[in-house]
Amino acid sequence: MYEQLKDHDRMQKEFINIAAHELRTPIQPIIGLSDFIRYQKGDIEQYVQLIDVILRNARRLKRLTEDILDVSRIENRSLQLSKEKFSLRDMVEYMIAEYEGGKKEIDRISK
């Protein structure tokens, strides 16, 4: 029983460390790009791509927090699962586009 408690405690600490790192990742572009846009002059239309990056990362942050809440529900045995069809191809294409779009924006801003 003691070993099980130790394992549970270790797994919980590991989860918290991973969750904190994953939450920090989308927060940086949200803050950085928001600050950048805030002090710019001119038409907002020229910053649409940057706003898209902010929105993408805000949505990612939302998904991560929902995942953390799901873990809590699993531990409390109150999570309800539902089946949902999705296209793996669309998901992979979305992730690639998100990665490439974020990289292009960072490269563009750094120049």
N, C-alpha and C. Protein backbone atom coordinates (compact mmCIF):
# COMPACT_ATOMS: atom_id res chain seq x y z
N MET A 1 0.83 -1.19 0.00
CA MET A 1 0.00 0.00 0.00
C MET A 1 0.88 1.26 0.00
N TYR A 2 1.93 1.25 0.81
CA TYR A 2 2.84 2.39 0.89
C TYR A 2 3.49 2.65 -0.47
N GLU A 3 3.90 1.57 -1.15
CA GLU A 3 4.52 1.71 -2.47
C GLU A 3 3.53 2.29 -3.48
N GLN A 4 2.29 1.88 -3.40
CA GLN A 4 1.27 2.43 -4.29
C GLN A 4 1.07 3.92 -4.06
N LEU A 5 1.08 4.33 -2.80
CA LEU A 5 0.95 5.76 -2.48
C LEU A 5 2.14 6.54 -3.00
N LYS A 6 3.34 5.97 -2.85
CA LYS A 6 4.54 6.63 -3.38
C LYS A 6 4.47 6.78 -4.89
N ASP A 7 4.04 5.71 -5.56
CA ASP A 7 3.92 5.76 -7.02
C ASP A 7 2.88 6.80 -7.45
N HIS A 8 1.76 6.83 -6.75
CA HIS A 8 0.71 7.81 -7.06
C HIS A 8 1.24 9.23 -6.86
N ASP A 9 1.94 9.46 -5.78
CA ASP A 9 2.50 10.78 -5.50
C ASP A 9 3.51 11.18 -6.57
N ARG A 10 4.37 10.25 -6.97
CA ARG A 10 5.37 10.51 -8.01
C ARG A 10 4.68 10.84 -9.34
N MET A 11 3.66 10.05 -9.68
CA MET A 11 2.94 10.29 -10.94
C MET A 11 2.22 11.64 -10.91
N GLN A 12 1.68 12.00 -9.76
CA GLN A 12 0.98 13.28 -9.64
C GLN A 12 1.95 14.44 -9.82
N LYS A 13 3.13 14.35 -9.20
CA LYS A 13 4.13 15.40 -9.34
C LYS A 13 4.62 15.50 -10.78
N GLU A 14 4.81 14.36 -11.42
CA GLU A 14 5.24 14.35 -12.81
C GLU A 14 4.19 14.99 -13.71
N PHE A 15 2.93 14.67 -13.45
CA PHE A 15 1.84 15.26 -14.23
C PHE A 15 1.81 16.77 -14.06
N ILE A 16 1.97 17.25 -12.85
CA ILE A 16 1.95 18.69 -12.59
C ILE A 16 3.10 19.37 -13.32
N ASN A 17 4.27 18.77 -13.32
CA ASN A 17 5.42 19.36 -14.03
C ASN A 17 5.16 19.42 -15.54
N ILE A 18 4.64 18.34 -16.09
CA ILE A 18 4.34 18.31 -17.52
C ILE A 18 3.25 19.32 -17.85
N ALA A 19 2.19 19.36 -17.05
CA ALA A 19 1.08 20.28 -17.30
C ALA A 19 1.55 21.73 -17.24
N ALA A 20 2.39 22.05 -16.26
CA ALA A 20 2.88 23.42 -16.15
C ALA A 20 3.68 23.81 -17.39
N HIS A 21 4.52 22.90 -17.86
CA HIS A 21 5.31 23.18 -19.06
C HIS A 21 4.40 23.36 -20.28
N GLU A 22 3.44 22.46 -20.44
CA GLU A 22 2.52 22.53 -21.58
C GLU A 22 1.66 23.79 -21.54
N LEU A 23 1.28 24.23 -20.36
CA LEU A 23 0.48 25.46 -20.25
C LEU A 23 1.32 26.69 -20.57
N ARG A 24 2.58 26.66 -20.20
CA ARG A 24 3.46 27.79 -20.45
C ARG A 24 3.70 28.01 -21.94
N THR A 25 3.76 26.92 -22.71
CA THR A 25 4.08 27.01 -24.13
C THR A 25 3.13 27.93 -24.90
N PRO A 26 1.80 27.77 -24.83
CA PRO A 26 0.94 28.68 -25.59
C PRO A 26 0.79 30.05 -24.95
N ILE A 27 1.13 30.19 -23.70
CA ILE A 27 0.99 31.49 -23.04
C ILE A 27 1.99 32.50 -23.60
N GLN A 28 3.19 32.07 -23.90
CA GLN A 28 4.23 33.00 -24.37
C GLN A 28 3.83 33.73 -25.65
N PRO A 29 3.38 33.03 -26.71
CA PRO A 29 2.98 33.79 -27.90
C PRO A 29 1.75 34.66 -27.67
N ILE A 30 0.86 34.23 -26.80
CA ILE A 30 -0.33 35.05 -26.52
C ILE A 30 0.11 36.38 -25.92
N ILE A 31 0.95 36.33 -24.93
CA ILE A 31 1.42 37.55 -24.26
C ILE A 31 2.30 38.37 -25.18
N GLY A 32 3.29 37.72 -25.79
CA GLY A 32 4.24 38.44 -26.64
C GLY A 32 3.60 39.13 -27.83
N LEU A 33 2.76 38.41 -28.55
CA LEU A 33 2.13 38.99 -29.73
C LEU A 33 1.08 40.03 -29.35
N SER A 34 0.38 39.80 -28.25
CA SER A 34 -0.59 40.80 -27.78
C SER A 34 0.10 42.11 -27.44
N ASP A 35 1.22 42.01 -26.72
CA ASP A 35 1.99 43.23 -26.41
C ASP A 35 2.49 43.91 -27.67
N PHE A 36 2.97 43.13 -28.62
CA PHE A 36 3.48 43.68 -29.87
C PHE A 36 2.39 44.45 -30.60
N ILE A 37 1.21 43.82 -30.76
CA ILE A 37 0.10 44.45 -31.49
C ILE A 37 -0.40 45.68 -30.74
N ARG A 38 -0.42 45.61 -29.45
CA ARG A 38 -0.95 46.71 -28.63
C ARG A 38 -0.26 48.04 -28.89
N TYR A 39 1.03 48.01 -29.15
CA TYR A 39 1.78 49.25 -29.33
C TYR A 39 2.02 49.61 -30.79
N GLN A 40 1.34 48.94 -31.70
CA GLN A 40 1.51 49.24 -33.12
C GLN A 40 0.52 50.31 -33.56
N LYS A 41 0.94 51.07 -34.51
CA LYS A 41 0.08 52.09 -35.11
C LYS A 41 -0.44 51.56 -36.44
N GLY A 42 -1.55 52.08 -36.87
CA GLY A 42 -2.06 51.71 -38.18
C GLY A 42 -3.28 50.82 -38.12
N ASP A 43 -3.59 50.28 -39.29
CA ASP A 43 -4.79 49.46 -39.48
C ASP A 43 -4.61 48.08 -38.88
N ILE A 44 -5.60 47.61 -38.18
CA ILE A 44 -5.55 46.29 -37.53
C ILE A 44 -5.46 45.17 -38.56
N GLU A 45 -5.91 45.42 -39.79
CA GLU A 45 -5.90 44.40 -40.83
C GLU A 45 -4.50 43.86 -41.10
N GLN A 46 -3.48 44.69 -40.91
CA GLN A 46 -2.12 44.22 -41.17
C GLN A 46 -1.63 43.24 -40.10
N TYR A 47 -2.38 43.10 -39.02
CA TYR A 47 -1.98 42.21 -37.93
C TYR A 47 -2.87 40.98 -37.80
N VAL A 48 -3.66 40.71 -38.83
CA VAL A 48 -4.60 39.59 -38.78
C VAL A 48 -3.86 38.27 -38.55
N GLN A 49 -2.72 38.06 -39.21
CA GLN A 49 -1.99 36.81 -39.04
C GLN A 49 -1.49 36.66 -37.59
N LEU A 50 -1.05 37.75 -37.00
CA LEU A 50 -0.60 37.69 -35.62
C LEU A 50 -1.76 37.39 -34.68
N ILE A 51 -2.91 37.98 -34.97
CA ILE A 51 -4.10 37.71 -34.16
C ILE A 51 -4.50 36.25 -34.30
N ASP A 52 -4.35 35.69 -35.50
CA ASP A 52 -4.65 34.27 -35.70
C ASP A 52 -3.74 33.39 -34.83
N VAL A 53 -2.47 33.75 -34.71
CA VAL A 53 -1.55 33.00 -33.86
C VAL A 53 -2.00 33.10 -32.40
N ILE A 54 -2.41 34.28 -31.99
CA ILE A 54 -2.89 34.46 -30.62
C ILE A 54 -4.12 33.57 -30.37
N LEU A 55 -5.06 33.60 -31.29
CA LEU A 55 -6.27 32.80 -31.14
C LEU A 55 -5.97 31.31 -31.12
N ARG A 56 -5.07 30.86 -32.00
CA ARG A 56 -4.69 29.45 -32.03
C ARG A 56 -4.12 29.01 -30.68
N ASN A 57 -3.24 29.85 -30.13
CA ASN A 57 -2.62 29.50 -28.85
C ASN A 57 -3.60 29.60 -27.69
N ALA A 58 -4.52 30.53 -27.76
CA ALA A 58 -5.55 30.63 -26.72
C ALA A 58 -6.44 29.38 -26.75
N ARG A 59 -6.77 28.91 -27.95
CA ARG A 59 -7.57 27.69 -28.07
C ARG A 59 -6.79 26.48 -27.55
N ARG A 60 -5.49 26.46 -27.85
CA ARG A 60 -4.65 25.37 -27.35
C ARG A 60 -4.61 25.38 -25.83
N LEU A 61 -4.50 26.56 -25.26
CA LEU A 61 -4.50 26.69 -23.80
C LEU A 61 -5.82 26.20 -23.22
N LYS A 62 -6.91 26.52 -23.90
CA LYS A 62 -8.23 26.06 -23.45
C LYS A 62 -8.29 24.54 -23.47
N ARG A 63 -7.80 23.92 -24.57
CA ARG A 63 -7.81 22.45 -24.65
C ARG A 63 -6.97 21.83 -23.54
N LEU A 64 -5.81 22.42 -23.26
CA LEU A 64 -4.96 21.89 -22.20
C LEU A 64 -5.64 21.96 -20.84
N THR A 65 -6.30 23.06 -20.56
CA THR A 65 -6.99 23.17 -19.27
C THR A 65 -8.14 22.18 -19.19
N GLU A 66 -8.83 21.96 -20.31
CA GLU A 66 -9.89 20.96 -20.33
C GLU A 66 -9.33 19.56 -20.10
N ASP A 67 -8.14 19.29 -20.65
CA ASP A 67 -7.50 17.99 -20.42
C ASP A 67 -7.15 17.81 -18.95
N ILE A 68 -6.67 18.86 -18.32
CA ILE A 68 -6.34 18.78 -16.89
C ILE A 68 -7.60 18.52 -16.07
N LEU A 69 -8.68 19.21 -16.44
CA LEU A 69 -9.95 18.96 -15.75
C LEU A 69 -10.42 17.52 -15.97
N ASP A 70 -10.18 16.98 -17.16
CA ASP A 70 -10.54 15.59 -17.43
C ASP A 70 -9.76 14.64 -16.53
N VAL A 71 -8.48 14.92 -16.33
CA VAL A 71 -7.67 14.08 -15.45
C VAL A 71 -8.26 14.11 -14.05
N SER A 72 -8.66 15.27 -13.61
CA SER A 72 -9.28 15.40 -12.29
C SER A 72 -10.57 14.58 -12.23
N ARG A 73 -11.36 14.64 -13.29
CA ARG A 73 -12.61 13.86 -13.33
C ARG A 73 -12.33 12.36 -13.34
N ILE A 74 -11.26 11.96 -14.03
CA ILE A 74 -10.89 10.55 -14.05
C ILE A 74 -10.55 10.09 -12.63
N GLU A 75 -9.74 10.90 -11.95
CA GLU A 75 -9.37 10.54 -10.58
C GLU A 75 -10.58 10.47 -9.66
N ASN A 76 -11.55 11.34 -9.89
CA ASN A 76 -12.77 11.34 -9.07
C ASN A 76 -13.82 10.36 -9.59
N ARG A 77 -13.48 9.67 -10.66
CA ARG A 77 -14.39 8.69 -11.30
C ARG A 77 -15.70 9.33 -11.75
N SER A 78 -15.61 10.56 -12.25
CA SER A 78 -16.82 11.24 -12.70
C SER A 78 -16.76 11.64 -14.19
N LEU A 79 -15.75 11.13 -14.91
CA LEU A 79 -15.62 11.46 -16.33
C LEU A 79 -16.57 10.61 -17.16
N GLN A 80 -17.32 11.26 -18.03
CA GLN A 80 -18.22 10.58 -18.95
C GLN A 80 -17.58 10.61 -20.33
N LEU A 81 -17.38 9.47 -20.93
CA LEU A 81 -16.78 9.39 -22.26
C LEU A 81 -17.86 9.32 -23.32
N SER A 82 -17.55 9.90 -24.47
CA SER A 82 -18.46 9.78 -25.61
C SER A 82 -17.62 9.56 -26.86
N LYS A 83 -18.12 8.71 -27.74
CA LYS A 83 -17.41 8.43 -28.98
C LYS A 83 -17.68 9.54 -29.98
N GLU A 84 -16.64 9.88 -30.73
CA GLU A 84 -16.78 10.92 -31.73
C GLU A 84 -15.89 10.57 -32.91
N LYS A 85 -16.44 10.60 -34.10
CA LYS A 85 -15.65 10.34 -35.30
C LYS A 85 -14.88 11.61 -35.67
N PHE A 86 -13.66 11.41 -36.15
CA PHE A 86 -12.87 12.53 -36.65
C PHE A 86 -11.93 12.00 -37.72
N SER A 87 -11.43 12.91 -38.51
CA SER A 87 -10.51 12.55 -39.57
C SER A 87 -9.08 12.72 -39.06
N LEU A 88 -8.37 11.63 -38.99
CA LEU A 88 -6.97 11.70 -38.54
C LEU A 88 -6.15 12.55 -39.51
N ARG A 89 -6.44 12.41 -40.78
CA ARG A 89 -5.73 13.19 -41.80
C ARG A 89 -5.93 14.70 -41.56
N ASP A 90 -7.18 15.11 -41.32
CA ASP A 90 -7.46 16.52 -41.06
C ASP A 90 -6.73 17.00 -39.81
N MET A 91 -6.71 16.16 -38.80
CA MET A 91 -6.04 16.51 -37.54
C MET A 91 -4.55 16.71 -37.77
N VAL A 92 -3.92 15.80 -38.50
CA VAL A 92 -2.48 15.90 -38.77
C VAL A 92 -2.20 17.14 -39.62
N GLU A 93 -3.01 17.37 -40.64
CA GLU A 93 -2.83 18.55 -41.49
C GLU A 93 -2.98 19.84 -40.68
N TYR A 94 -3.94 19.86 -39.76
CA TYR A 94 -4.13 21.04 -38.90
C TYR A 94 -2.90 21.27 -38.03
N MET A 95 -2.37 20.21 -37.44
CA MET A 95 -1.21 20.34 -36.56
C MET A 95 0.02 20.82 -37.34
N ILE A 96 0.20 20.32 -38.54
CA ILE A 96 1.32 20.76 -39.38
C ILE A 96 1.16 22.23 -39.74
N ALA A 97 -0.04 22.63 -40.13
CA ALA A 97 -0.30 24.03 -40.49
C ALA A 97 -0.10 24.93 -39.28
N GLU A 98 -0.52 24.48 -38.11
CA GLU A 98 -0.35 25.28 -36.90
C GLU A 98 1.14 25.47 -36.59
N TYR A 99 1.90 24.41 -36.71
CA TYR A 99 3.34 24.48 -36.44
C TYR A 99 4.02 25.40 -37.45
N GLU A 100 3.74 25.19 -38.73
CA GLU A 100 4.38 26.00 -39.77
C GLU A 100 3.96 27.46 -39.69
N GLY A 101 2.67 27.71 -39.42
CA GLY A 101 2.19 29.08 -39.29
C GLY A 101 2.84 29.81 -38.14
N GLY A 102 2.97 29.16 -37.01
CA GLY A 102 3.62 29.76 -35.86
C GLY A 102 5.08 30.04 -36.12
N LYS A 103 5.76 29.11 -36.79
CA LYS A 103 7.19 29.29 -37.10
C LYS A 103 7.38 30.45 -38.07
N LYS A 104 6.53 30.56 -39.07
CA LYS A 104 6.64 31.65 -40.05
C LYS A 104 6.43 33.00 -39.36
N GLU A 105 5.46 33.09 -38.47
CA GLU A 105 5.19 34.35 -37.78
C GLU A 105 6.37 34.74 -36.89
N ILE A 106 6.94 33.78 -36.20
CA ILE A 106 8.09 34.07 -35.34
C ILE A 106 9.25 34.54 -36.20
N ASP A 107 9.50 33.87 -37.33
CA ASP A 107 10.58 34.27 -38.23
C ASP A 107 10.33 35.68 -38.77
N ARG A 108 9.08 35.97 -39.13
CA ARG A 108 8.75 37.29 -39.70
C ARG A 108 8.94 38.40 -38.65
N ILE A 109 8.54 38.13 -37.44
CA ILE A 109 8.64 39.14 -36.38
C ILE A 109 10.10 39.38 -36.00
N SER A 110 10.92 38.33 -36.02
CA SER A 110 12.31 38.47 -35.61
C SER A 110 13.15 39.27 -36.59
N LYS A 111 12.67 39.40 -37.81
CA LYS A 111 13.48 40.12 -38.82
C LYS A 111 13.38 41.59 -38.68
